[in-house]
Amino acid sequence: MDARKTGLECEVLDDMDQLSAEMVAEFPERGMQWVKDRVETVVNETGEYVREKPTQSLFYAFAAGYVLNRLPLGRVLAGFLRLLFMALKPAILIYGAARLYRSAQEREAVQR
């Protein structure tokens, strides 16, 4: 009785593993479809709003352009990239050290 129950449990777990693997494989596709649907909805609603209120939409567009023109986006982006490059060097060093450590562990395990 216990052997059958254990076998049944293993089959159920195998089925669950397959289902979860399939779900994980489908997740990016479903996520992309969701994003596409949302972007399409926003574009359609924006188009409808512009058709209904063209002058107000034009005013909003000019205001947004003015604000974006006044923001120091170039300096912010340059500072972000500078920070990224400064952090990249230690990250590469740590990655290399971790790879060396793992390689040494594997060699030690093979020698045993």
PDB file of N, CA and C in Angstrom:
ATOM      1  N   MET A   1       0.823  -1.187   0.000  1.00  0.00           N
ATOM      2  CA  MET A   1       0.000   0.000   0.000  1.00  0.00           C
ATOM      3  C   MET A   1       0.869   1.253   0.000  1.00  0.00           C
ATOM      4  N   ASP A   2       1.906   1.266   0.845  1.00  0.00           N
ATOM      5  CA  ASP A   2       2.775   2.432   0.907  1.00  0.00           C
ATOM      6  C   ASP A   2       3.558   2.624  -0.387  1.00  0.00           C
ATOM      7  N   ALA A   3       3.945   1.504  -1.019  1.00  0.00           N
ATOM      8  CA  ALA A   3       4.703   1.590  -2.272  1.00  0.00           C
ATOM      9  C   ALA A   3       3.843   2.200  -3.365  1.00  0.00           C
ATOM     10  N   ARG A   4       2.561   1.806  -3.426  1.00  0.00           N
ATOM     11  CA  ARG A   4       1.664   2.382  -4.435  1.00  0.00           C
ATOM     12  C   ARG A   4       1.435   3.854  -4.169  1.00  0.00           C
ATOM     13  N   LYS A   5       1.286   4.183  -2.916  1.00  0.00           N
ATOM     14  CA  LYS A   5       1.042   5.583  -2.552  1.00  0.00           C
ATOM     15  C   LYS A   5       2.270   6.416  -2.910  1.00  0.00           C
ATOM     16  N   THR A   6       3.460   5.915  -2.629  1.00  0.00           N
ATOM     17  CA  THR A   6       4.690   6.630  -2.951  1.00  0.00           C
ATOM     18  C   THR A   6       4.836   6.783  -4.458  1.00  0.00           C
ATOM     19  N   GLY A   7       4.516   5.712  -5.215  1.00  0.00           N
ATOM     20  CA  GLY A   7       4.576   5.785  -6.674  1.00  0.00           C
ATOM     21  C   GLY A   7       3.601   6.806  -7.221  1.00  0.00           C
ATOM     22  N   LEU A   8       2.400   6.828  -6.658  1.00  0.00           N
ATOM     23  CA  LEU A   8       1.389   7.788  -7.075  1.00  0.00           C
ATOM     24  C   LEU A   8       1.838   9.211  -6.760  1.00  0.00           C
ATOM     25  N   GLU A   9       2.424   9.384  -5.590  1.00  0.00           N
ATOM     26  CA  GLU A   9       2.914  10.709  -5.205  1.00  0.00           C
ATOM     27  C   GLU A   9       4.013  11.168  -6.161  1.00  0.00           C
ATOM     28  N   CYS A  10       4.896  10.245  -6.567  1.00  0.00           N
ATOM     29  CA  CYS A  10       5.969  10.599  -7.509  1.00  0.00           C
ATOM     30  C   CYS A  10       5.394  11.013  -8.849  1.00  0.00           C
ATOM     31  N   GLU A  11       4.347  10.273  -9.323  1.00  0.00           N
ATOM     32  CA  GLU A  11       3.722  10.638 -10.590  1.00  0.00           C
ATOM     33  C   GLU A  11       3.082  12.017 -10.506  1.00  0.00           C
ATOM     34  N   VAL A  12       2.422  12.287  -9.390  1.00  0.00           N
ATOM     35  CA  VAL A  12       1.789  13.590  -9.200  1.00  0.00           C
ATOM     36  C   VAL A  12       2.848  14.688  -9.177  1.00  0.00           C
ATOM     37  N   LEU A  13       3.955  14.432  -8.490  1.00  0.00           N
ATOM     38  CA  LEU A  13       5.026  15.430  -8.437  1.00  0.00           C
ATOM     39  C   LEU A  13       5.649  15.648  -9.812  1.00  0.00           C
ATOM     40  N   ASP A  14       5.811  14.558 -10.594  1.00  0.00           N
ATOM     41  CA  ASP A  14       6.337  14.697 -11.951  1.00  0.00           C
ATOM     42  C   ASP A  14       5.402  15.534 -12.809  1.00  0.00           C
ATOM     43  N   ASP A  15       4.092  15.279 -12.677  1.00  0.00           N
ATOM     44  CA  ASP A  15       3.114  16.064 -13.433  1.00  0.00           C
ATOM     45  C   ASP A  15       3.169  17.526 -13.031  1.00  0.00           C
ATOM     46  N   MET A  16       3.311  17.786 -11.723  1.00  0.00           N
ATOM     47  CA  MET A  16       3.396  19.163 -11.242  1.00  0.00           C
ATOM     48  C   MET A  16       4.655  19.839 -11.773  1.00  0.00           C
ATOM     49  N   ASP A  17       5.775  19.090 -11.814  1.00  0.00           N
ATOM     50  CA  ASP A  17       7.009  19.649 -12.353  1.00  0.00           C
ATOM     51  C   ASP A  17       6.836  20.022 -13.815  1.00  0.00           C
ATOM     52  N   GLN A  18       6.185  19.158 -14.592  1.00  0.00           N
ATOM     53  CA  GLN A  18       5.961  19.448 -16.002  1.00  0.00           C
ATOM     54  C   GLN A  18       5.058  20.658 -16.176  1.00  0.00           C
ATOM     55  N   LEU A  19       3.992  20.712 -15.358  1.00  0.00           N
ATOM     56  CA  LEU A  19       3.080  21.845 -15.450  1.00  0.00           C
ATOM     57  C   LEU A  19       3.787  23.148 -15.096  1.00  0.00           C
ATOM     58  N   SER A  20       4.576  23.124 -14.035  1.00  0.00           N
ATOM     59  CA  SER A  20       5.239  24.361 -13.646  1.00  0.00           C
ATOM     60  C   SER A  20       6.302  24.749 -14.666  1.00  0.00           C
ATOM     61  N   ALA A  21       6.963  23.780 -15.292  1.00  0.00           N
ATOM     62  CA  ALA A  21       7.936  24.101 -16.335  1.00  0.00           C
ATOM     63  C   ALA A  21       7.238  24.713 -17.541  1.00  0.00           C
ATOM     64  N   GLU A  22       6.061  24.165 -17.885  1.00  0.00           N
ATOM     65  CA  GLU A  22       5.301  24.730 -18.992  1.00  0.00           C
ATOM     66  C   GLU A  22       4.827  26.139 -18.663  1.00  0.00           C
ATOM     67  N   MET A  23       4.382  26.337 -17.429  1.00  0.00           N
ATOM     68  CA  MET A  23       3.921  27.659 -17.029  1.00  0.00           C
ATOM     69  C   MET A  23       5.063  28.665 -17.065  1.00  0.00           C
ATOM     70  N   VAL A  24       6.232  28.249 -16.618  1.00  0.00           N
ATOM     71  CA  VAL A  24       7.390  29.135 -16.634  1.00  0.00           C
ATOM     72  C   VAL A  24       7.781  29.462 -18.067  1.00  0.00           C
ATOM     73  N   ALA A  25       7.683  28.479 -18.961  1.00  0.00           N
ATOM     74  CA  ALA A  25       8.031  28.716 -20.363  1.00  0.00           C
ATOM     75  C   ALA A  25       7.031  29.663 -21.017  1.00  0.00           C
ATOM     76  N   GLU A  26       5.768  29.597 -20.625  1.00  0.00           N
ATOM     77  CA  GLU A  26       4.748  30.459 -21.205  1.00  0.00           C
ATOM     78  C   GLU A  26       4.738  31.853 -20.594  1.00  0.00           C
ATOM     79  N   PHE A  27       5.324  32.016 -19.438  1.00  0.00           N
ATOM     80  CA  PHE A  27       5.243  33.292 -18.722  1.00  0.00           C
ATOM     81  C   PHE A  27       5.768  34.478 -19.531  1.00  0.00           C
ATOM     82  N   PRO A  28       6.955  34.394 -20.149  1.00  0.00           N
ATOM     83  CA  PRO A  28       7.421  35.551 -20.930  1.00  0.00           C
ATOM     84  C   PRO A  28       6.497  35.890 -22.097  1.00  0.00           C
ATOM     85  N   GLU A  29       5.960  34.858 -22.743  1.00  0.00           N
ATOM     86  CA  GLU A  29       5.052  35.111 -23.858  1.00  0.00           C
ATOM     87  C   GLU A  29       3.780  35.801 -23.384  1.00  0.00           C
ATOM     88  N   ARG A  30       3.235  35.322 -22.277  1.00  0.00           N
ATOM     89  CA  ARG A  30       2.025  35.949 -21.750  1.00  0.00           C
ATOM     90  C   ARG A  30       2.313  37.359 -21.271  1.00  0.00           C
ATOM     91  N   GLY A  31       3.485  37.555 -20.685  1.00  0.00           N
ATOM     92  CA  GLY A  31       3.856  38.897 -20.231  1.00  0.00           C
ATOM     93  C   GLY A  31       3.997  39.862 -21.389  1.00  0.00           C
ATOM     94  N   MET A  32       4.627  39.418 -22.470  1.00  0.00           N
ATOM     95  CA  MET A  32       4.780  40.273 -23.645  1.00  0.00           C
ATOM     96  C   MET A  32       3.422  40.601 -24.255  1.00  0.00           C
ATOM     97  N   GLN A  33       2.538  39.619 -24.298  1.00  0.00           N
ATOM     98  CA  GLN A  33       1.203  39.868 -24.851  1.00  0.00           C
ATOM     99  C   GLN A  33       0.457  40.875 -23.980  1.00  0.00           C
ATOM    100  N   TRP A  34       0.590  40.754 -22.671  1.00  0.00           N
ATOM    101  CA  TRP A  34      -0.061  41.691 -21.759  1.00  0.00           C
ATOM    102  C   TRP A  34       0.459  43.102 -21.984  1.00  0.00           C
ATOM    103  N   VAL A  35       1.784  43.241 -22.115  1.00  0.00           N
ATOM    104  CA  VAL A  35       2.376  44.556 -22.349  1.00  0.00           C
ATOM    105  C   VAL A  35       1.894  45.124 -23.679  1.00  0.00           C
ATOM    106  N   LYS A  36       1.865  44.305 -24.721  1.00  0.00           N
ATOM    107  CA  LYS A  36       1.380  44.765 -26.030  1.00  0.00           C
ATOM    108  C   LYS A  36      -0.060  45.255 -25.931  1.00  0.00           C
ATOM    109  N   ASP A  37      -0.891  44.489 -25.227  1.00  0.00           N
ATOM    110  CA  ASP A  37      -2.289  44.886 -25.076  1.00  0.00           C
ATOM    111  C   ASP A  37      -2.405  46.209 -24.337  1.00  0.00           C
ATOM    112  N   ARG A  38      -1.624  46.381 -23.279  1.00  0.00           N
ATOM    113  CA  ARG A  38      -1.686  47.619 -22.501  1.00  0.00           C
ATOM    114  C   ARG A  38      -1.202  48.820 -23.319  1.00  0.00           C
ATOM    115  N   VAL A  39      -0.120  48.635 -24.064  1.00  0.00           N
ATOM    116  CA  VAL A  39       0.400  49.737 -24.885  1.00  0.00           C
ATOM    117  C   VAL A  39      -0.613  50.103 -25.958  1.00  0.00           C
ATOM    118  N   GLU A  40      -1.214  49.099 -26.574  1.00  0.00           N
ATOM    119  CA  GLU A  40      -2.225  49.360 -27.601  1.00  0.00           C
ATOM    120  C   GLU A  40      -3.416  50.109 -27.011  1.00  0.00           C
ATOM    121  N   THR A  41      -3.834  49.731 -25.810  1.00  0.00           N
ATOM    122  CA  THR A  41      -4.939  50.407 -25.148  1.00  0.00           C
ATOM    123  C   THR A  41      -4.594  51.864 -24.872  1.00  0.00           C
ATOM    124  N   VAL A  42      -3.394  52.109 -24.367  1.00  0.00           N
ATOM    125  CA  VAL A  42      -2.977  53.476 -24.059  1.00  0.00           C
ATOM    126  C   VAL A  42      -2.909  54.317 -25.330  1.00  0.00           C
ATOM    127  N   VAL A  43      -2.379  53.753 -26.401  1.00  0.00           N
ATOM    128  CA  VAL A  43      -2.283  54.495 -27.666  1.00  0.00           C
ATOM    129  C   VAL A  43      -3.679  54.825 -28.189  1.00  0.00           C
ATOM    130  N   ASN A  44      -4.582  53.868 -28.133  1.00  0.00           N
ATOM    131  CA  ASN A  44      -5.948  54.119 -28.611  1.00  0.00           C
ATOM    132  C   ASN A  44      -6.643  55.176 -27.764  1.00  0.00           C
ATOM    133  N   GLU A  45      -6.509  55.088 -26.436  1.00  0.00           N
ATOM    134  CA  GLU A  45      -7.146  56.076 -25.562  1.00  0.00           C
ATOM    135  C   GLU A  45      -6.542  57.460 -25.772  1.00  0.00           C
ATOM    136  N   THR A  46      -5.234  57.514 -25.985  1.00  0.00           N
ATOM    137  CA  THR A  46      -4.584  58.798 -26.231  1.00  0.00           C
ATOM    138  C   THR A  46      -5.079  59.397 -27.534  1.00  0.00           C
ATOM    139  N   GLY A  47      -5.204  58.571 -28.563  1.00  0.00           N
ATOM    140  CA  GLY A  47      -5.726  59.056 -29.844  1.00  0.00           C
ATOM    141  C   GLY A  47      -7.137  59.595 -29.711  1.00  0.00           C
ATOM    142  N   GLU A  48      -7.973  58.893 -28.975  1.00  0.00           N
ATOM    143  CA  GLU A  48      -9.342  59.355 -28.756  1.00  0.00           C
ATOM    144  C   GLU A  48      -9.349  60.684 -27.998  1.00  0.00           C
ATOM    145  N   TYR A  49      -8.504  60.802 -26.983  1.00  0.00           N
ATOM    146  CA  TYR A  49      -8.440  62.038 -26.198  1.00  0.00           C
ATOM    147  C   TYR A  49      -7.997  63.208 -27.069  1.00  0.00           C
ATOM    148  N   VAL A  50      -7.008  62.978 -27.931  1.00  0.00           N
ATOM    149  CA  VAL A  50      -6.514  64.047 -28.800  1.00  0.00           C
ATOM    150  C   VAL A  50      -7.596  64.453 -29.793  1.00  0.00           C
ATOM    151  N   ARG A  51      -8.363  63.492 -30.311  1.00  0.00           N
ATOM    152  CA  ARG A  51      -9.453  63.837 -31.228  1.00  0.00           C
ATOM    153  C   ARG A  51     -10.549  64.627 -30.518  1.00  0.00           C
ATOM    154  N   GLU A  52     -10.813  64.289 -29.250  1.00  0.00           N
ATOM    155  CA  GLU A  52     -11.862  64.985 -28.508  1.00  0.00           C
ATOM    156  C   GLU A  52     -11.430  66.378 -28.073  1.00  0.00           C
ATOM    157  N   LYS A  53     -10.181  66.535 -27.636  1.00  0.00           N
ATOM    158  CA  LYS A  53      -9.695  67.814 -27.095  1.00  0.00           C
ATOM    159  C   LYS A  53      -8.352  68.169 -27.732  1.00  0.00           C
ATOM    160  N   PRO A  54      -8.351  68.610 -28.990  1.00  0.00           N
ATOM    161  CA  PRO A  54      -7.078  68.859 -29.673  1.00  0.00           C
ATOM    162  C   PRO A  54      -6.293  70.035 -29.092  1.00  0.00           C
ATOM    163  N   THR A  55      -6.971  71.122 -28.717  1.00  0.00           N
ATOM    164  CA  THR A  55      -6.223  72.279 -28.203  1.00  0.00           C
ATOM    165  C   THR A  55      -5.607  71.988 -26.844  1.00  0.00           C
ATOM    166  N   GLN A  56      -6.353  71.325 -25.987  1.00  0.00           N
ATOM    167  CA  GLN A  56      -5.823  70.980 -24.672  1.00  0.00           C
ATOM    168  C   GLN A  56      -4.662  69.991 -24.813  1.00  0.00           C
ATOM    169  N   SER A  57      -4.772  69.049 -25.737  1.00  0.00           N
ATOM    170  CA  SER A  57      -3.693  68.097 -25.981  1.00  0.00           C
ATOM    171  C   SER A  57      -2.446  68.804 -26.482  1.00  0.00           C
ATOM    172  N   LEU A  58      -2.629  69.782 -27.353  1.00  0.00           N
ATOM    173  CA  LEU A  58      -1.505  70.548 -27.880  1.00  0.00           C
ATOM    174  C   LEU A  58      -0.824  71.326 -26.760  1.00  0.00           C
ATOM    175  N   PHE A  59      -1.618  71.920 -25.873  1.00  0.00           N
ATOM    176  CA  PHE A  59      -1.055  72.637 -24.730  1.00  0.00           C
ATOM    177  C   PHE A  59      -0.241  71.697 -23.838  1.00  0.00           C
ATOM    178  N   TYR A  60      -0.796  70.516 -23.557  1.00  0.00           N
ATOM    179  CA  TYR A  60      -0.077  69.540 -22.734  1.00  0.00           C
ATOM    180  C   TYR A  60       1.227  69.107 -23.390  1.00  0.00           C
ATOM    181  N   ALA A  61       1.195  68.935 -24.707  1.00  0.00           N
ATOM    182  CA  ALA A  61       2.398  68.527 -25.419  1.00  0.00           C
ATOM    183  C   ALA A  61       3.474  69.619 -25.322  1.00  0.00           C
ATOM    184  N   PHE A  62       3.078  70.875 -25.513  1.00  0.00           N
ATOM    185  CA  PHE A  62       4.063  71.962 -25.388  1.00  0.00           C
ATOM    186  C   PHE A  62       4.603  72.070 -23.964  1.00  0.00           C
ATOM    187  N   ALA A  63       3.732  71.910 -22.963  1.00  0.00           N
ATOM    188  CA  ALA A  63       4.169  71.987 -21.560  1.00  0.00           C
ATOM    189  C   ALA A  63       5.144  70.857 -21.240  1.00  0.00           C
ATOM    190  N   ALA A  64       4.829  69.657 -21.704  1.00  0.00           N
ATOM    191  CA  ALA A  64       5.725  68.520 -21.452  1.00  0.00           C
ATOM    192  C   ALA A  64       7.058  68.734 -22.158  1.00  0.00           C
ATOM    193  N   GLY A  65       7.033  69.245 -23.382  1.00  0.00           N
ATOM    194  CA  GLY A  65       8.263  69.528 -24.110  1.00  0.00           C
ATOM    195  C   GLY A  65       9.106  70.574 -23.416  1.00  0.00           C
ATOM    196  N   TYR A  66       8.464  71.607 -22.892  1.00  0.00           N
ATOM    197  CA  TYR A  66       9.190  72.667 -22.189  1.00  0.00           C
ATOM    198  C   TYR A  66       9.861  72.126 -20.930  1.00  0.00           C
ATOM    199  N   VAL A  67       9.115  71.342 -20.167  1.00  0.00           N
ATOM    200  CA  VAL A  67       9.664  70.765 -18.928  1.00  0.00           C
ATOM    201  C   VAL A  67      10.832  69.843 -19.253  1.00  0.00           C
ATOM    202  N   LEU A  68      10.666  68.990 -20.261  1.00  0.00           N
ATOM    203  CA  LEU A  68      11.747  68.076 -20.633  1.00  0.00           C
ATOM    204  C   LEU A  68      12.959  68.828 -21.168  1.00  0.00           C
ATOM    205  N   ASN A  69      12.723  69.956 -21.834  1.00  0.00           N
ATOM    206  CA  ASN A  69      13.828  70.763 -22.347  1.00  0.00           C
ATOM    207  C   ASN A  69      14.622  71.386 -21.198  1.00  0.00           C
ATOM    208  N   ARG A  70      13.954  71.739 -20.133  1.00  0.00           N
ATOM    209  CA  ARG A  70      14.610  72.406 -19.003  1.00  0.00           C
ATOM    210  C   ARG A  70      15.312  71.434 -18.060  1.00  0.00           C
ATOM    211  N   LEU A  71      14.936  70.187 -18.087  1.00  0.00           N
ATOM    212  CA  LEU A  71      15.578  69.212 -17.214  1.00  0.00           C
ATOM    213  C   LEU A  71      16.985  68.911 -17.729  1.00  0.00           C
ATOM    214  N   PRO A  72      17.929  68.746 -16.822  1.00  0.00           N
ATOM    215  CA  PRO A  72      19.302  68.428 -17.247  1.00  0.00           C
ATOM    216  C   PRO A  72      19.466  66.932 -17.521  1.00  0.00           C
ATOM    217  N   LEU A  73      18.724  66.429 -18.504  1.00  0.00           N
ATOM    218  CA  LEU A  73      18.733  64.993 -18.773  1.00  0.00           C
ATOM    219  C   LEU A  73      20.108  64.509 -19.224  1.00  0.00           C
ATOM    220  N   GLY A  74      20.822  65.330 -19.962  1.00  0.00           N
ATOM    221  CA  GLY A  74      22.154  64.928 -20.415  1.00  0.00           C
ATOM    222  C   GLY A  74      23.100  64.712 -19.250  1.00  0.00           C
ATOM    223  N   ARG A  75      23.068  65.639 -18.305  1.00  0.00           N
ATOM    224  CA  ARG A  75      23.940  65.513 -17.133  1.00  0.00           C
ATOM    225  C   ARG A  75      23.531  64.340 -16.254  1.00  0.00           C
ATOM    226  N   VAL A  76      22.245  64.141 -16.104  1.00  0.00           N
ATOM    227  CA  VAL A  76      21.762  63.022 -15.292  1.00  0.00           C
ATOM    228  C   VAL A  76      22.196  61.709 -15.929  1.00  0.00           C
ATOM    229  N   LEU A  77      22.019  61.580 -17.236  1.00  0.00           N
ATOM    230  CA  LEU A  77      22.412  60.366 -17.933  1.00  0.00           C
ATOM    231  C   LEU A  77      23.920  60.152 -17.866  1.00  0.00           C
ATOM    232  N   ALA A  78      24.692  61.224 -18.053  1.00  0.00           N
ATOM    233  CA  ALA A  78      26.153  61.109 -17.981  1.00  0.00           C
ATOM    234  C   ALA A  78      26.595  60.680 -16.580  1.00  0.00           C
ATOM    235  N   GLY A  79      25.982  61.239 -15.552  1.00  0.00           N
ATOM    236  CA  GLY A  79      26.306  60.845 -14.177  1.00  0.00           C
ATOM    237  C   GLY A  79      25.953  59.395 -13.906  1.00  0.00           C
ATOM    238  N   PHE A  80      24.812  58.973 -14.421  1.00  0.00           N
ATOM    239  CA  PHE A  80      24.408  57.576 -14.243  1.00  0.00           C
ATOM    240  C   PHE A  80      25.390  56.632 -14.929  1.00  0.00           C
ATOM    241  N   LEU A  81      25.784  56.956 -16.151  1.00  0.00           N
ATOM    242  CA  LEU A  81      26.742  56.106 -16.867  1.00  0.00           C
ATOM    243  C   LEU A  81      28.096  56.083 -16.165  1.00  0.00           C
ATOM    244  N   ARG A  82      28.531  57.223 -15.652  1.00  0.00           N
ATOM    245  CA  ARG A  82      29.793  57.282 -14.916  1.00  0.00           C
ATOM    246  C   ARG A  82      29.728  56.379 -13.685  1.00  0.00           C
ATOM    247  N   LEU A  83      28.625  56.439 -12.971  1.00  0.00           N
ATOM    248  CA  LEU A  83      28.430  55.589 -11.794  1.00  0.00           C
ATOM    249  C   LEU A  83      28.405  54.117 -12.186  1.00  0.00           C
ATOM    250  N   LEU A  84      27.755  53.813 -13.300  1.00  0.00           N
ATOM    251  CA  LEU A  84      27.673  52.434 -13.766  1.00  0.00           C
ATOM    252  C   LEU A  84      29.059  51.895 -14.094  1.00  0.00           C
ATOM    253  N   PHE A  85      29.871  52.674 -14.781  1.00  0.00           N
ATOM    254  CA  PHE A  85      31.211  52.215 -15.139  1.00  0.00           C
ATOM    255  C   PHE A  85      32.101  52.073 -13.907  1.00  0.00           C
ATOM    256  N   MET A  86      31.914  52.948 -12.919  1.00  0.00           N
ATOM    257  CA  MET A  86      32.704  52.825 -11.691  1.00  0.00           C
ATOM    258  C   MET A  86      32.333  51.548 -10.938  1.00  0.00           C
ATOM    259  N   ALA A  87      31.063  51.179 -10.954  1.00  0.00           N
ATOM    260  CA  ALA A  87      30.608  49.979 -10.250  1.00  0.00           C
ATOM    261  C   ALA A  87      30.906  48.715 -11.047  1.00  0.00           C
ATOM    262  N   LEU A  88      31.134  48.855 -12.341  1.00  0.00           N
ATOM    263  CA  LEU A  88      31.362  47.694 -13.183  1.00  0.00           C
ATOM    264  C   LEU A  88      32.707  47.030 -12.895  1.00  0.00           C
ATOM    265  N   LYS A  89      33.722  47.810 -12.611  1.00  0.00           N
ATOM    266  CA  LYS A  89      35.051  47.247 -12.353  1.00  0.00           C
ATOM    267  C   LYS A  89      35.058  46.321 -11.133  1.00  0.00           C
ATOM    268  N   PRO A  90      34.540  46.745  -9.988  1.00  0.00           N
ATOM    269  CA  PRO A  90      34.504  45.804  -8.857  1.00  0.00           C
ATOM    270  C   PRO A  90      33.597  44.600  -9.114  1.00  0.00           C
ATOM    271  N   ALA A  91      32.524  44.806  -9.866  1.00  0.00           N
ATOM    272  CA  ALA A  91      31.624  43.687 -10.154  1.00  0.00           C
ATOM    273  C   ALA A  91      32.338  42.633 -10.997  1.00  0.00           C
ATOM    274  N   ILE A  92      33.122  43.073 -11.972  1.00  0.00           N
ATOM    275  CA  ILE A  92      33.882  42.125 -12.803  1.00  0.00           C
ATOM    276  C   ILE A  92      34.920  41.397 -11.958  1.00  0.00           C
ATOM    277  N   LEU A  93      35.567  42.121 -11.057  1.00  0.00           N
ATOM    278  CA  LEU A  93      36.558  41.519 -10.175  1.00  0.00           C
ATOM    279  C   LEU A  93      35.922  40.445  -9.288  1.00  0.00           C
ATOM    280  N   ILE A  94      34.781  40.749  -8.712  1.00  0.00           N
ATOM    281  CA  ILE A  94      34.080  39.795  -7.852  1.00  0.00           C
ATOM    282  C   ILE A  94      33.624  38.583  -8.661  1.00  0.00           C
ATOM    283  N   TYR A  95      33.119  38.822  -9.856  1.00  0.00           N
ATOM    284  CA  TYR A  95      32.691  37.721 -10.720  1.00  0.00           C
ATOM    285  C   TYR A  95      33.865  36.803 -11.052  1.00  0.00           C
ATOM    286  N   GLY A  96      35.000  37.391 -11.392  1.00  0.00           N
ATOM    287  CA  GLY A  96      36.187  36.594 -11.702  1.00  0.00           C
ATOM    288  C   GLY A  96      36.657  35.782 -10.512  1.00  0.00           C
ATOM    289  N   ALA A  97      36.642  36.391  -9.327  1.00  0.00           N
ATOM    290  CA  ALA A  97      37.052  35.671  -8.124  1.00  0.00           C
ATOM    291  C   ALA A  97      36.097  34.515  -7.834  1.00  0.00           C
ATOM    292  N   ALA A  98      34.818  34.714  -8.033  1.00  0.00           N
ATOM    293  CA  ALA A  98      33.846  33.649  -7.804  1.00  0.00           C
ATOM    294  C   ALA A  98      34.053  32.506  -8.785  1.00  0.00           C
ATOM    295  N   ARG A  99      34.357  32.828 -10.041  1.00  0.00           N
ATOM    296  CA  ARG A  99      34.613  31.782 -11.034  1.00  0.00           C
ATOM    297  C   ARG A  99      35.872  30.993 -10.689  1.00  0.00           C
ATOM    298  N   LEU A 100      36.924  31.694 -10.250  1.00  0.00           N
ATOM    299  CA  LEU A 100      38.148  31.008  -9.841  1.00  0.00           C
ATOM    300  C   LEU A 100      37.891  30.080  -8.663  1.00  0.00           C
ATOM    301  N   TYR A 101      37.127  30.545  -7.699  1.00  0.00           N
ATOM    302  CA  TYR A 101      36.802  29.738  -6.525  1.00  0.00           C
ATOM    303  C   TYR A 101      36.020  28.496  -6.928  1.00  0.00           C
ATOM    304  N   ARG A 102      35.032  28.660  -7.812  1.00  0.00           N
ATOM    305  CA  ARG A 102      34.237  27.521  -8.254  1.00  0.00           C
ATOM    306  C   ARG A 102      35.104  26.536  -9.035  1.00  0.00           C
ATOM    307  N   SER A 103      36.007  27.047  -9.857  1.00  0.00           N
ATOM    308  CA  SER A 103      36.899  26.183 -10.620  1.00  0.00           C
ATOM    309  C   SER A 103      37.811  25.394  -9.680  1.00  0.00           C
ATOM    310  N   ALA A 104      38.329  26.057  -8.646  1.00  0.00           N
ATOM    311  CA  ALA A 104      39.177  25.368  -7.674  1.00  0.00           C
ATOM    312  C   ALA A 104      38.384  24.301  -6.921  1.00  0.00           C
ATOM    313  N   GLN A 105      37.130  24.596  -6.591  1.00  0.00           N
ATOM    314  CA  GLN A 105      36.279  23.618  -5.905  1.00  0.00           C
ATOM    315  C   GLN A 105      36.047  22.397  -6.790  1.00  0.00           C
ATOM    316  N   GLU A 106      35.806  22.623  -8.091  1.00  0.00           N
ATOM    317  CA  GLU A 106      35.556  21.512  -9.006  1.00  0.00           C
ATOM    318  C   GLU A 106      36.815  20.654  -9.172  1.00  0.00           C
ATOM    319  N   ARG A 107      37.971  21.289  -9.275  1.00  0.00           N
ATOM    320  CA  ARG A 107      39.231  20.531  -9.399  1.00  0.00           C
ATOM    321  C   ARG A 107      39.475  19.685  -8.164  1.00  0.00           C
ATOM    322  N   GLU A 108      39.202  20.276  -7.009  1.00  0.00           N
ATOM    323  CA  GLU A 108      39.386  19.549  -5.759  1.00  0.00           C
ATOM    324  C   GLU A 108      38.449  18.358  -5.673  1.00  0.00           C
ATOM    325  N   ALA A 109      37.226  18.530  -6.146  1.00  0.00           N
ATOM    326  CA  ALA A 109      36.250  17.436  -6.118  1.00  0.00           C
ATOM    327  C   ALA A 109      36.651  16.344  -7.089  1.00  0.00           C
ATOM    328  N   VAL A 110      37.227  16.693  -8.248  1.00  0.00           N
ATOM    329  CA  VAL A 110      37.648  15.701  -9.237  1.00  0.00           C
ATOM    330  C   VAL A 110      38.838  14.924  -8.712  1.00  0.00           C
ATOM    331  N   GLN A 111      39.737  15.558  -8.006  1.00  0.00           N
ATOM    332  CA  GLN A 111      40.949  14.906  -7.501  1.00  0.00           C
ATOM    333  C   GLN A 111      40.623  13.911  -6.392  1.00  0.00           C
ATOM    334  N   ARG A 112      39.537  14.051  -5.731  1.00  0.00           N
ATOM    335  CA  ARG A 112      39.181  13.137  -4.631  1.00  0.00           C
ATOM    336  C   ARG A 112      38.724  11.855  -5.120  1.00  0.00           C
TER     337      ARG A 112
END
